[in-house]
């Protein structure tokens, strides 16, 4: 399975913009096994208006989740909102055949 480097941090930058919580997990022996979760208040969320999602999913709660493969070099992401939070699940492209968009949707549905 391997050893994982896990980092969780709150980013409280000057002012009210770009404040967020992130969890970053990387396999020390297989750096392509790199996962990240960002949480932001919706009003401080990242706008993806300049990017067209590759797929749009409907989560179990009826909300939309958008899957992107272009905005980040080397990573795919699923962006969704729940309650007053925006969540961004990011996965390294090198494992995108193993951790598919559908897998990220399953993870998104697990947020309660």
Protein backbone atom coordinates (compact mmCIF):
# COMPACT_ATOMS: atom_id res chain seq x y z
CA UNK A 1 0.00 0.00 0.00
CA UNK A 2 2.79 2.43 0.79
CA UNK A 3 3.52 5.31 3.06
CA UNK A 4 1.45 8.44 2.63
CA UNK A 5 2.37 12.03 3.33
CA UNK A 6 -0.78 13.71 4.65
CA UNK A 7 -1.05 17.46 5.02
CA UNK A 8 -4.06 19.40 6.25
CA UNK A 9 -4.00 23.14 6.58
CA UNK A 10 -6.18 26.20 6.86
CA UNK A 11 -5.13 29.01 4.59
CA UNK A 12 -6.14 32.34 6.07
CA UNK A 13 -4.70 34.90 3.71
CA UNK A 14 -4.94 38.66 4.14
CA UNK A 15 -8.53 39.79 3.79
CA UNK A 16 -11.50 37.51 3.18
CA UNK A 17 -10.48 36.20 -0.24
CA UNK A 18 -8.90 32.81 -0.91
CA UNK A 19 -9.36 31.50 2.64
CA UNK A 20 -9.80 27.73 2.49
CA UNK A 21 -9.10 24.39 4.12
CA UNK A 22 -7.18 21.75 2.21
CA UNK A 23 -6.20 18.15 2.71
CA UNK A 24 -3.36 16.86 0.55
CA UNK A 25 -2.39 13.17 0.47
CA UNK A 26 0.55 11.79 -1.53
CA UNK A 27 2.00 8.27 -1.61
CA UNK A 28 5.71 8.67 -0.82
CA UNK A 29 6.69 5.78 -3.10
CA UNK A 30 4.20 6.53 -5.87
CA UNK A 31 3.86 10.31 -6.18
CA UNK A 32 1.27 9.90 -8.94
CA UNK A 33 -1.06 8.72 -6.15
CA UNK A 34 -1.76 12.32 -5.18
CA UNK A 35 -5.20 13.41 -3.96
CA UNK A 36 -6.40 16.77 -2.70
CA UNK A 37 -9.60 18.17 -1.22
CA UNK A 38 -10.19 21.94 -0.99
CA UNK A 39 -13.10 23.44 0.97
CA UNK A 40 -14.14 27.06 0.65
CA UNK A 41 -17.17 29.08 1.60
CA UNK A 42 -19.26 29.44 -1.55
CA UNK A 43 -18.84 33.22 -1.60
CA UNK A 44 -15.05 32.68 -1.60
CA UNK A 45 -15.22 29.79 -4.07
CA UNK A 46 -13.20 29.50 -7.23
CA UNK A 47 -15.06 30.51 -10.35
CA UNK A 48 -14.75 28.08 -13.23
CA UNK A 49 -16.76 30.26 -15.64
CA UNK A 50 -13.86 30.41 -18.14
CA UNK A 51 -13.68 26.63 -18.33
CA UNK A 52 -16.20 24.20 -19.77
CA UNK A 53 -16.60 21.00 -17.73
CA UNK A 54 -15.91 17.70 -19.48
CA UNK A 55 -18.83 16.09 -17.65
CA UNK A 56 -21.64 17.22 -15.37
CA UNK A 57 -23.06 14.81 -12.80
CA UNK A 58 -26.10 15.04 -10.55
CA UNK A 59 -25.24 14.12 -6.98
CA UNK A 60 -27.59 12.17 -4.69
CA UNK A 61 -28.64 15.47 -3.06
CA UNK A 62 -29.73 16.84 -6.46
CA UNK A 63 -26.82 19.29 -6.78
CA UNK A 64 -24.59 19.38 -9.85
CA UNK A 65 -20.93 18.32 -9.79
CA UNK A 66 -18.68 19.43 -12.63
CA UNK A 67 -15.68 17.40 -13.75
CA UNK A 68 -12.77 19.23 -15.38
CA UNK A 69 -9.65 17.91 -17.09
CA UNK A 70 -8.23 21.16 -18.51
CA UNK A 71 -7.82 23.96 -15.90
CA UNK A 72 -4.92 22.32 -14.03
CA UNK A 73 -1.91 20.86 -15.76
CA UNK A 74 -1.41 17.33 -14.50
CA UNK A 75 -4.66 17.08 -12.53
CA UNK A 76 -8.39 16.47 -12.96
CA UNK A 77 -10.96 17.91 -10.61
CA UNK A 78 -14.55 17.56 -9.51
CA UNK A 79 -16.18 20.77 -8.24
CA UNK A 80 -19.44 20.77 -6.30
CA UNK A 81 -21.31 22.70 -3.63
CA UNK A 82 -22.96 21.39 -0.50
CA UNK A 83 -24.69 23.54 2.10
CA UNK A 84 -22.60 26.73 2.16
CA UNK A 85 -19.35 25.15 0.95
CA UNK A 86 -17.59 24.64 -2.35
CA UNK A 87 -15.57 21.42 -2.57
CA UNK A 88 -12.85 20.69 -5.10
CA UNK A 89 -11.63 17.10 -5.32
CA UNK A 90 -8.38 16.88 -7.29
CA UNK A 91 -6.61 13.78 -8.61
CA UNK A 92 -3.35 13.39 -10.51
CA UNK A 93 -4.01 12.69 -14.22
CA UNK A 94 -1.58 9.76 -14.12
CA UNK A 95 -4.09 7.73 -12.08
CA UNK A 96 -7.24 8.98 -13.80
CA UNK A 97 -7.93 5.55 -15.30
CA UNK A 98 -7.98 4.08 -11.79
CA UNK A 99 -9.63 7.01 -10.00
CA UNK A 100 -12.26 7.95 -12.55
CA UNK A 101 -14.72 10.82 -12.56
CA UNK A 102 -17.32 8.33 -11.33
CA UNK A 103 -15.07 7.49 -8.35
CA UNK A 104 -14.84 11.18 -7.48
CA UNK A 105 -18.64 11.41 -7.68
CA UNK A 106 -18.91 8.51 -5.21
CA UNK A 107 -16.59 10.43 -2.86
CA UNK A 108 -18.67 13.61 -3.33
CA UNK A 109 -21.85 11.69 -2.47
CA UNK A 110 -20.19 10.54 0.78
CA UNK A 111 -19.98 14.13 2.08
CA UNK A 112 -22.86 14.61 4.51
